[in-house]
């Protein structure tokens, strides 16, 4: 399945916006899951974020997109 180009561009833009706000986390190969579904499965270890969740990425991106006025208003 191919990702639409505009989606990939949005992901790249978000990555640039949040790169100083979050930890870089590794992906690891999961042999047990790969065996179960007979496809390679990699797990992104977002539990290594300070918040121990993937939500740090979305929240950092959302805050980065706020206007100056929105940031001032909290």
N, C-alpha and C. Protein backbone atom coordinates (compact mmCIF):
# COMPACT_ATOMS: atom_id res chain seq x y z
N UNK A 1 0.84 -1.18 0.00
CA UNK A 1 0.00 0.00 0.00
C UNK A 1 0.88 1.24 0.00
N UNK A 2 0.64 2.13 -0.93
CA UNK A 2 1.45 3.32 -1.07
C UNK A 2 0.76 4.50 -0.39
N UNK A 3 1.54 5.28 0.36
CA UNK A 3 1.01 6.43 1.06
C UNK A 3 0.88 7.62 0.10
N UNK A 4 -0.23 8.36 0.15
CA UNK A 4 -0.36 9.54 -0.70
C UNK A 4 0.78 10.53 -0.43
N UNK A 5 1.26 11.18 -1.48
CA UNK A 5 2.41 12.08 -1.36
C UNK A 5 2.16 13.18 -0.33
N UNK A 6 0.95 13.76 -0.34
CA UNK A 6 0.71 14.85 0.59
C UNK A 6 0.76 14.37 2.04
N UNK A 7 0.41 13.12 2.30
CA UNK A 7 0.52 12.57 3.65
C UNK A 7 1.97 12.45 4.07
N UNK A 8 2.82 11.98 3.17
CA UNK A 8 4.24 11.85 3.46
C UNK A 8 4.84 13.23 3.73
N UNK A 9 4.47 14.21 2.94
CA UNK A 9 4.97 15.57 3.15
C UNK A 9 4.54 16.11 4.51
N UNK A 10 3.31 15.85 4.90
CA UNK A 10 2.82 16.31 6.20
C UNK A 10 3.58 15.64 7.34
N UNK A 11 3.90 14.38 7.17
CA UNK A 11 4.68 13.67 8.18
C UNK A 11 6.07 14.28 8.30
N UNK A 12 6.70 14.56 7.16
CA UNK A 12 8.03 15.17 7.18
C UNK A 12 8.01 16.55 7.82
N UNK A 13 6.97 17.34 7.52
CA UNK A 13 6.84 18.66 8.12
C UNK A 13 6.67 18.56 9.63
N UNK A 14 5.84 17.64 10.07
CA UNK A 14 5.62 17.44 11.51
C UNK A 14 6.92 17.00 12.19
N UNK A 15 7.66 16.12 11.54
CA UNK A 15 8.94 15.66 12.10
C UNK A 15 9.88 16.84 12.33
N UNK A 16 9.94 17.75 11.38
CA UNK A 16 10.80 18.93 11.53
C UNK A 16 10.33 19.82 12.68
N UNK A 17 9.01 19.99 12.81
CA UNK A 17 8.46 20.85 13.87
C UNK A 17 8.78 20.32 15.26
N UNK A 18 8.75 19.01 15.45
CA UNK A 18 8.84 18.45 16.80
C UNK A 18 10.22 17.88 17.14
N UNK A 19 11.16 17.92 16.22
CA UNK A 19 12.41 17.19 16.43
C UNK A 19 13.17 17.58 17.69
N UNK A 20 13.02 18.79 18.19
CA UNK A 20 13.71 19.17 19.42
C UNK A 20 12.88 18.95 20.67
N UNK A 21 11.65 18.51 20.51
CA UNK A 21 10.72 18.39 21.64
C UNK A 21 10.54 16.98 22.17
N UNK A 22 10.99 16.01 21.42
CA UNK A 22 10.75 14.61 21.82
C UNK A 22 12.03 13.80 21.71
N UNK A 23 12.04 12.66 22.38
CA UNK A 23 13.18 11.74 22.29
C UNK A 23 13.09 10.93 21.01
N UNK A 24 14.24 10.64 20.44
CA UNK A 24 14.30 9.73 19.31
C UNK A 24 14.23 8.32 19.88
N UNK A 25 13.28 7.53 19.41
CA UNK A 25 13.10 6.18 19.96
C UNK A 25 13.38 5.13 18.90
N UNK A 26 13.93 4.00 19.31
CA UNK A 26 14.28 2.96 18.34
C UNK A 26 13.09 2.10 17.91
N UNK A 27 13.29 1.43 16.79
CA UNK A 27 12.37 0.39 16.33
C UNK A 27 13.11 -0.93 16.51
N UNK A 28 12.40 -1.93 17.00
CA UNK A 28 13.02 -3.25 17.16
C UNK A 28 12.20 -4.29 16.40
N UNK A 29 12.88 -5.29 15.92
CA UNK A 29 12.24 -6.39 15.21
C UNK A 29 11.59 -7.32 16.21
N UNK A 30 10.35 -7.70 15.96
CA UNK A 30 9.64 -8.64 16.83
C UNK A 30 9.53 -9.99 16.14
N UNK A 31 10.37 -10.91 16.52
CA UNK A 31 10.33 -12.25 15.95
C UNK A 31 9.02 -12.97 16.27
N UNK A 32 8.53 -12.92 17.53
CA UNK A 32 7.27 -13.62 17.81
C UNK A 32 6.09 -13.11 16.97
N UNK A 33 5.93 -11.81 16.87
CA UNK A 33 4.82 -11.26 16.08
C UNK A 33 5.02 -11.54 14.59
N UNK A 34 6.25 -11.45 14.14
CA UNK A 34 6.54 -11.74 12.74
C UNK A 34 6.19 -13.18 12.39
N UNK A 35 6.46 -14.09 13.29
CA UNK A 35 6.12 -15.50 13.06
C UNK A 35 4.61 -15.71 13.02
N UNK A 36 3.91 -15.02 13.90
CA UNK A 36 2.45 -15.18 13.97
C UNK A 36 1.78 -14.75 12.67
N UNK A 37 2.17 -13.57 12.15
CA UNK A 37 1.49 -13.05 10.96
C UNK A 37 2.25 -13.32 9.66
N UNK A 38 3.41 -13.96 9.79
CA UNK A 38 4.23 -14.32 8.62
C UNK A 38 4.63 -13.10 7.79
N UNK A 39 4.87 -12.00 8.47
CA UNK A 39 5.37 -10.75 7.89
C UNK A 39 6.34 -10.15 8.89
N UNK A 40 7.28 -9.33 8.40
CA UNK A 40 8.19 -8.65 9.32
C UNK A 40 7.42 -7.61 10.13
N UNK A 41 7.60 -7.65 11.44
CA UNK A 41 6.95 -6.70 12.34
C UNK A 41 8.03 -5.97 13.14
N UNK A 42 7.96 -4.66 13.12
CA UNK A 42 8.88 -3.83 13.90
C UNK A 42 8.06 -3.03 14.90
N UNK A 43 8.58 -2.90 16.09
CA UNK A 43 7.90 -2.16 17.15
C UNK A 43 8.64 -0.86 17.44
N UNK A 44 7.92 0.25 17.44
CA UNK A 44 8.48 1.56 17.76
C UNK A 44 8.36 1.74 19.26
N UNK A 45 9.47 1.91 19.94
CA UNK A 45 9.48 1.94 21.40
C UNK A 45 9.15 3.32 21.96
N UNK A 46 7.92 3.73 21.76
CA UNK A 46 7.48 5.03 22.26
C UNK A 46 7.37 5.06 23.78
N UNK A 47 7.43 3.89 24.41
CA UNK A 47 7.44 3.85 25.87
C UNK A 47 8.72 4.45 26.43
N UNK A 48 9.69 4.75 25.58
CA UNK A 48 10.93 5.40 26.01
C UNK A 48 10.82 6.92 26.01
N UNK A 49 9.67 7.45 25.58
CA UNK A 49 9.43 8.89 25.70
C UNK A 49 9.28 9.23 27.18
N UNK A 50 9.46 10.49 27.53
CA UNK A 50 9.28 10.93 28.92
C UNK A 50 7.88 10.56 29.41
N UNK A 51 6.89 10.71 28.54
CA UNK A 51 5.50 10.40 28.89
C UNK A 51 5.19 8.92 28.81
N UNK A 52 6.13 8.14 28.31
CA UNK A 52 5.98 6.70 28.08
C UNK A 52 4.82 6.37 27.14
N UNK A 53 4.59 7.26 26.17
CA UNK A 53 3.50 7.06 25.22
C UNK A 53 3.80 7.80 23.92
N UNK A 54 3.15 7.36 22.84
CA UNK A 54 3.31 8.00 21.54
C UNK A 54 2.67 9.38 21.52
N UNK A 55 1.82 9.68 22.48
CA UNK A 55 1.06 10.93 22.48
C UNK A 55 1.96 12.16 22.52
N UNK A 56 3.19 12.02 22.98
CA UNK A 56 4.12 13.15 23.02
C UNK A 56 4.32 13.74 21.64
N UNK A 57 4.37 12.91 20.62
CA UNK A 57 4.57 13.39 19.25
C UNK A 57 3.40 14.25 18.78
N UNK A 58 2.20 13.73 18.94
CA UNK A 58 1.01 14.46 18.51
C UNK A 58 0.83 15.76 19.28
N UNK A 59 1.06 15.71 20.58
CA UNK A 59 0.91 16.91 21.39
C UNK A 59 1.94 17.97 21.03
N UNK A 60 3.18 17.56 20.84
CA UNK A 60 4.23 18.51 20.46
C UNK A 60 3.92 19.15 19.11
N UNK A 61 3.41 18.36 18.17
CA UNK A 61 3.06 18.89 16.86
C UNK A 61 1.89 19.86 16.96
N UNK A 62 0.88 19.51 17.74
CA UNK A 62 -0.29 20.38 17.90
C UNK A 62 0.12 21.72 18.51
N UNK A 63 0.95 21.70 19.53
CA UNK A 63 1.41 22.94 20.16
C UNK A 63 2.23 23.77 19.18
N UNK A 64 3.07 23.12 18.39
CA UNK A 64 3.89 23.83 17.40
C UNK A 64 3.04 24.52 16.34
N UNK A 65 1.84 23.99 16.09
CA UNK A 65 0.95 24.57 15.07
C UNK A 65 0.09 25.72 15.60
N UNK A 66 0.09 25.94 16.92
CA UNK A 66 -0.73 27.01 17.48
C UNK A 66 -0.21 28.37 17.02
N UNK A 67 -1.13 29.30 16.83
CA UNK A 67 -0.74 30.67 16.49
C UNK A 67 -0.17 31.35 17.74
N UNK A 68 0.48 32.48 17.54
CA UNK A 68 1.05 33.22 18.67
C UNK A 68 -0.05 33.58 19.66
N UNK A 69 -1.20 34.02 19.14
CA UNK A 69 -2.32 34.40 20.01
C UNK A 69 -2.83 33.19 20.80
N UNK A 70 -2.96 32.05 20.13
CA UNK A 70 -3.42 30.84 20.82
C UNK A 70 -2.45 30.44 21.93
N UNK A 71 -1.15 30.57 21.67
CA UNK A 71 -0.15 30.24 22.68
C UNK A 71 -0.24 31.20 23.86
N UNK A 72 -0.46 32.48 23.59
CA UNK A 72 -0.59 33.47 24.66
C UNK A 72 -1.82 33.21 25.51
N UNK A 73 -2.89 32.72 24.89
CA UNK A 73 -4.13 32.45 25.62
C UNK A 73 -4.12 31.10 26.34
N UNK A 74 -3.09 30.31 26.12
CA UNK A 74 -2.98 29.01 26.78
C UNK A 74 -3.80 28.00 26.09
